[in-house]
Amino acid sequence: MKTEKEIEEYRKEIEEYRKEIEERLVKAESMDAMKYYQGVLRTLDWVITGIDV
C-alpha cells in the first residue's frame, strides 16, 4: 500500500502532466493534434477515475 506522501507525489505528477497536455492542446494548430491531446486527457481521466467520459 502506498503512503500518503507517495500518493501526494503521484497527484502532483499527474497534475503537472495534465497542465502540460492542456497547454499543448491550446497551442495545437491542426485539428488532428487537437483530437490527439483531447484523447490523451480523456484517457488520463479514465485511468484516474475508471469512468469513461
PDB file of N, CA and C in Angstrom:
ATOM      1  N   MET A   1       0.837  -1.180   0.000  1.00  0.00           N
ATOM      2  CA  MET A   1       0.000   0.000   0.000  1.00  0.00           C
ATOM      3  C   MET A   1       0.884   1.246   0.000  1.00  0.00           C
ATOM      4  N   LYS A   2       0.447   2.236  -0.747  1.00  0.00           N
ATOM      5  CA  LYS A   2       1.209   3.480  -0.870  1.00  0.00           C
ATOM      6  C   LYS A   2       1.029   4.359   0.360  1.00  0.00           C
ATOM      7  N   THR A   3       2.071   5.079   0.697  1.00  0.00           N
ATOM      8  CA  THR A   3       1.990   6.028   1.808  1.00  0.00           C
ATOM      9  C   THR A   3       1.323   7.309   1.331  1.00  0.00           C
ATOM     10  N   GLU A   4       0.884   8.117   2.265  1.00  0.00           N
ATOM     11  CA  GLU A   4       0.258   9.393   1.921  1.00  0.00           C
ATOM     12  C   GLU A   4       1.214  10.270   1.115  1.00  0.00           C
ATOM     13  N   LYS A   5       2.487  10.230   1.456  1.00  0.00           N
ATOM     14  CA  LYS A   5       3.484  11.028   0.746  1.00  0.00           C
ATOM     15  C   LYS A   5       3.599  10.566  -0.705  1.00  0.00           C
ATOM     16  N   GLU A   6       3.618   9.271  -0.934  1.00  0.00           N
ATOM     17  CA  GLU A   6       3.711   8.736  -2.298  1.00  0.00           C
ATOM     18  C   GLU A   6       2.474   9.103  -3.108  1.00  0.00           C
ATOM     19  N   ILE A   7       1.319   9.000  -2.485  1.00  0.00           N
ATOM     20  CA  ILE A   7       0.071   9.346  -3.163  1.00  0.00           C
ATOM     21  C   ILE A   7       0.078  10.815  -3.551  1.00  0.00           C
ATOM     22  N   GLU A   8       0.522  11.671  -2.659  1.00  0.00           N
ATOM     23  CA  GLU A   8       0.575  13.105  -2.942  1.00  0.00           C
ATOM     24  C   GLU A   8       1.553  13.402  -4.079  1.00  0.00           C
ATOM     25  N   GLU A   9       2.672  12.689  -4.118  1.00  0.00           N
ATOM     26  CA  GLU A   9       3.641  12.861  -5.207  1.00  0.00           C
ATOM     27  C   GLU A   9       3.027  12.459  -6.540  1.00  0.00           C
ATOM     28  N   TYR A  10       2.272  11.353  -6.556  1.00  0.00           N
ATOM     29  CA  TYR A  10       1.592  10.918  -7.777  1.00  0.00           C
ATOM     30  C   TYR A  10       0.583  11.962  -8.235  1.00  0.00           C
ATOM     31  N   ARG A  11      -0.190  12.493  -7.290  1.00  0.00           N
ATOM     32  CA  ARG A  11      -1.180  13.520  -7.637  1.00  0.00           C
ATOM     33  C   ARG A  11      -0.518  14.751  -8.235  1.00  0.00           C
ATOM     34  N   LYS A  12       0.602  15.155  -7.655  1.00  0.00           N
ATOM     35  CA  LYS A  12       1.324  16.319  -8.160  1.00  0.00           C
ATOM     36  C   LYS A  12       1.855  16.044  -9.568  1.00  0.00           C
ATOM     37  N   GLU A  13       2.406  14.870  -9.779  1.00  0.00           N
ATOM     38  CA  GLU A  13       2.939  14.498 -11.092  1.00  0.00           C
ATOM     39  C   GLU A  13       1.827  14.450 -12.134  1.00  0.00           C
ATOM     40  N   ILE A  14       0.682  13.906 -11.782  1.00  0.00           N
ATOM     41  CA  ILE A  14      -0.449  13.834 -12.699  1.00  0.00           C
ATOM     42  C   ILE A  14      -0.937  15.232 -13.037  1.00  0.00           C
ATOM     43  N   GLU A  15      -1.027  16.109 -12.051  1.00  0.00           N
ATOM     44  CA  GLU A  15      -1.495  17.477 -12.290  1.00  0.00           C
ATOM     45  C   GLU A  15      -0.525  18.230 -13.211  1.00  0.00           C
ATOM     46  N   GLU A  16       0.772  18.052 -13.015  1.00  0.00           N
ATOM     47  CA  GLU A  16       1.758  18.691 -13.893  1.00  0.00           C
ATOM     48  C   GLU A  16       1.621  18.175 -15.326  1.00  0.00           C
ATOM     49  N   TYR A  17       1.423  16.874 -15.464  1.00  0.00           N
ATOM     50  CA  TYR A  17       1.260  16.273 -16.792  1.00  0.00           C
ATOM     51  C   TYR A  17      -0.003  16.814 -17.458  1.00  0.00           C
ATOM     52  N   ARG A  18      -1.102  16.907 -16.687  1.00  0.00           N
ATOM     53  CA  ARG A  18      -2.351  17.425 -17.237  1.00  0.00           C
ATOM     54  C   ARG A  18      -2.172  18.863 -17.722  1.00  0.00           C
ATOM     55  N   LYS A  19      -1.484  19.696 -16.950  1.00  0.00           N
ATOM     56  CA  LYS A  19      -1.254  21.084 -17.356  1.00  0.00           C
ATOM     57  C   LYS A  19      -0.454  21.153 -18.645  1.00  0.00           C
ATOM     58  N   GLU A  20       0.560  20.302 -18.759  1.00  0.00           N
ATOM     59  CA  GLU A  20       1.377  20.278 -19.978  1.00  0.00           C
ATOM     60  C   GLU A  20       0.538  19.898 -21.192  1.00  0.00           C
ATOM     61  N   ILE A  21      -0.298  18.888 -21.044  1.00  0.00           N
ATOM     62  CA  ILE A  21      -1.144  18.451 -22.162  1.00  0.00           C
ATOM     63  C   ILE A  21      -2.173  19.522 -22.502  1.00  0.00           C
ATOM     64  N   GLU A  22      -2.756  20.179 -21.500  1.00  0.00           N
ATOM     65  CA  GLU A  22      -3.715  21.250 -21.765  1.00  0.00           C
ATOM     66  C   GLU A  22      -3.054  22.402 -22.514  1.00  0.00           C
ATOM     67  N   GLU A  23      -1.814  22.735 -22.162  1.00  0.00           N
ATOM     68  CA  GLU A  23      -1.090  23.789 -22.875  1.00  0.00           C
ATOM     69  C   GLU A  23      -0.847  23.391 -24.326  1.00  0.00           C
ATOM     70  N   ARG A  24      -0.476  22.151 -24.542  1.00  0.00           N
ATOM     71  CA  ARG A  24      -0.254  21.680 -25.916  1.00  0.00           C
ATOM     72  C   ARG A  24      -1.550  21.708 -26.710  1.00  0.00           C
ATOM     73  N   LEU A  25      -2.656  21.371 -26.054  1.00  0.00           N
ATOM     74  CA  LEU A  25      -3.956  21.404 -26.725  1.00  0.00           C
ATOM     75  C   LEU A  25      -4.286  22.818 -27.177  1.00  0.00           C
ATOM     76  N   VAL A  26      -4.066  23.785 -26.311  1.00  0.00           N
ATOM     77  CA  VAL A  26      -4.362  25.181 -26.643  1.00  0.00           C
ATOM     78  C   VAL A  26      -3.478  25.664 -27.793  1.00  0.00           C
ATOM     79  N   LYS A  27      -2.229  25.223 -27.819  1.00  0.00           N
ATOM     80  CA  LYS A  27      -1.283  25.670 -28.839  1.00  0.00           C
ATOM     81  C   LYS A  27      -1.361  24.861 -30.138  1.00  0.00           C
ATOM     82  N   ALA A  28      -2.132  23.788 -30.135  1.00  0.00           N
ATOM     83  CA  ALA A  28      -2.215  22.926 -31.312  1.00  0.00           C
ATOM     84  C   ALA A  28      -2.753  23.708 -32.507  1.00  0.00           C
ATOM     85  N   GLU A  29      -2.124  23.500 -33.642  1.00  0.00           N
ATOM     86  CA  GLU A  29      -2.521  24.228 -34.843  1.00  0.00           C
ATOM     87  C   GLU A  29      -3.374  23.396 -35.788  1.00  0.00           C
ATOM     88  N   SER A  30      -3.324  22.095 -35.644  1.00  0.00           N
ATOM     89  CA  SER A  30      -4.119  21.257 -36.538  1.00  0.00           C
ATOM     90  C   SER A  30      -5.230  20.544 -35.762  1.00  0.00           C
ATOM     91  N   MET A  31      -6.284  20.209 -36.460  1.00  0.00           N
ATOM     92  CA  MET A  31      -7.405  19.504 -35.846  1.00  0.00           C
ATOM     93  C   MET A  31      -6.968  18.128 -35.357  1.00  0.00           C
ATOM     94  N   ASP A  32      -6.093  17.474 -36.096  1.00  0.00           N
ATOM     95  CA  ASP A  32      -5.608  16.157 -35.685  1.00  0.00           C
ATOM     96  C   ASP A  32      -4.860  16.235 -34.358  1.00  0.00           C
ATOM     97  N   ALA A  33      -4.038  17.262 -34.192  1.00  0.00           N
ATOM     98  CA  ALA A  33      -3.306  17.433 -32.936  1.00  0.00           C
ATOM     99  C   ALA A  33      -4.271  17.712 -31.790  1.00  0.00           C
ATOM    100  N   MET A  34      -5.282  18.526 -32.047  1.00  0.00           N
ATOM    101  CA  MET A  34      -6.268  18.831 -31.012  1.00  0.00           C
ATOM    102  C   MET A  34      -6.998  17.553 -30.575  1.00  0.00           C
ATOM    103  N   LYS A  35      -7.394  16.742 -31.546  1.00  0.00           N
ATOM    104  CA  LYS A  35      -8.080  15.489 -31.233  1.00  0.00           C
ATOM    105  C   LYS A  35      -7.166  14.558 -30.441  1.00  0.00           C
ATOM    106  N   TYR A  36      -5.901  14.533 -30.802  1.00  0.00           N
ATOM    107  CA  TYR A  36      -4.941  13.681 -30.100  1.00  0.00           C
ATOM    108  C   TYR A  36      -4.839  14.095 -28.630  1.00  0.00           C
ATOM    109  N   TYR A  37      -4.638  15.377 -28.373  1.00  0.00           N
ATOM    110  CA  TYR A  37      -4.479  15.845 -26.997  1.00  0.00           C
ATOM    111  C   TYR A  37      -5.775  15.703 -26.199  1.00  0.00           C
ATOM    112  N   GLN A  38      -6.928  15.875 -26.850  1.00  0.00           N
ATOM    113  CA  GLN A  38      -8.194  15.637 -26.168  1.00  0.00           C
ATOM    114  C   GLN A  38      -8.304  14.164 -25.771  1.00  0.00           C
ATOM    115  N   GLY A  39      -7.842  13.290 -26.649  1.00  0.00           N
ATOM    116  CA  GLY A  39      -7.841  11.858 -26.346  1.00  0.00           C
ATOM    117  C   GLY A  39      -6.914  11.524 -25.191  1.00  0.00           C
ATOM    118  N   VAL A  40      -5.769  12.190 -25.148  1.00  0.00           N
ATOM    119  CA  VAL A  40      -4.826  11.965 -24.048  1.00  0.00           C
ATOM    120  C   VAL A  40      -5.472  12.373 -22.717  1.00  0.00           C
ATOM    121  N   LEU A  41      -6.124  13.531 -22.696  1.00  0.00           N
ATOM    122  CA  LEU A  41      -6.785  13.987 -21.466  1.00  0.00           C
ATOM    123  C   LEU A  41      -7.927  13.056 -21.070  1.00  0.00           C
ATOM    124  N   ARG A  42      -8.675  12.599 -22.057  1.00  0.00           N
ATOM    125  CA  ARG A  42      -9.780  11.673 -21.782  1.00  0.00           C
ATOM    126  C   ARG A  42      -9.256  10.361 -21.208  1.00  0.00           C
ATOM    127  N   THR A  43      -8.173   9.859 -21.771  1.00  0.00           N
ATOM    128  CA  THR A  43      -7.569   8.624 -21.282  1.00  0.00           C
ATOM    129  C   THR A  43      -7.029   8.811 -19.872  1.00  0.00           C
ATOM    130  N   LEU A  44      -6.403   9.939 -19.620  1.00  0.00           N
ATOM    131  CA  LEU A  44      -5.886  10.220 -18.283  1.00  0.00           C
ATOM    132  C   LEU A  44      -7.026  10.220 -17.265  1.00  0.00           C
ATOM    133  N   ASP A  45      -8.136  10.865 -17.598  1.00  0.00           N
ATOM    134  CA  ASP A  45      -9.296  10.858 -16.705  1.00  0.00           C
ATOM    135  C   ASP A  45      -9.820   9.446 -16.484  1.00  0.00           C
ATOM    136  N   TRP A  46      -9.855   8.651 -17.539  1.00  0.00           N
ATOM    137  CA  TRP A  46     -10.344   7.280 -17.428  1.00  0.00           C
ATOM    138  C   TRP A  46      -9.435   6.443 -16.529  1.00  0.00           C
ATOM    139  N   VAL A  47      -8.137   6.611 -16.675  1.00  0.00           N
ATOM    140  CA  VAL A  47      -7.185   5.854 -15.860  1.00  0.00           C
ATOM    141  C   VAL A  47      -7.312   6.240 -14.385  1.00  0.00           C
ATOM    142  N   ILE A  48      -7.502   7.521 -14.121  1.00  0.00           N
ATOM    143  CA  ILE A  48      -7.564   8.009 -12.739  1.00  0.00           C
ATOM    144  C   ILE A  48      -8.899   7.632 -12.087  1.00  0.00           C
ATOM    145  N   THR A  49     -10.002   7.851 -12.801  1.00  0.00           N
ATOM    146  CA  THR A  49     -11.316   7.685 -12.191  1.00  0.00           C
ATOM    147  C   THR A  49     -11.966   6.339 -12.504  1.00  0.00           C
ATOM    148  N   GLY A  50     -11.583   5.723 -13.618  1.00  0.00           N
ATOM    149  CA  GLY A  50     -12.243   4.491 -14.045  1.00  0.00           C
ATOM    150  C   GLY A  50     -13.547   4.748 -14.769  1.00  0.00           C
ATOM    151  N   ILE A  51     -13.867   6.038 -14.999  1.00  0.00           N
ATOM    152  CA  ILE A  51     -15.099   6.410 -15.665  1.00  0.00           C
ATOM    153  C   ILE A  51     -14.761   6.943 -17.050  1.00  0.00           C
ATOM    154  N   ASP A  52     -15.421   6.381 -18.071  1.00  0.00           N
ATOM    155  CA  ASP A  52     -15.226   6.860 -19.440  1.00  0.00           C
ATOM    156  C   ASP A  52     -16.138   8.049 -19.660  1.00  0.00           C
ATOM    157  N   VAL A  53     -15.540   9.197 -19.921  1.00  0.00           N
ATOM    158  CA  VAL A  53     -16.337  10.420 -20.094  1.00  0.00           C
ATOM    159  C   VAL A  53     -16.717  10.640 -21.531  1.00  0.00           C
TER     160      VAL A  53
END
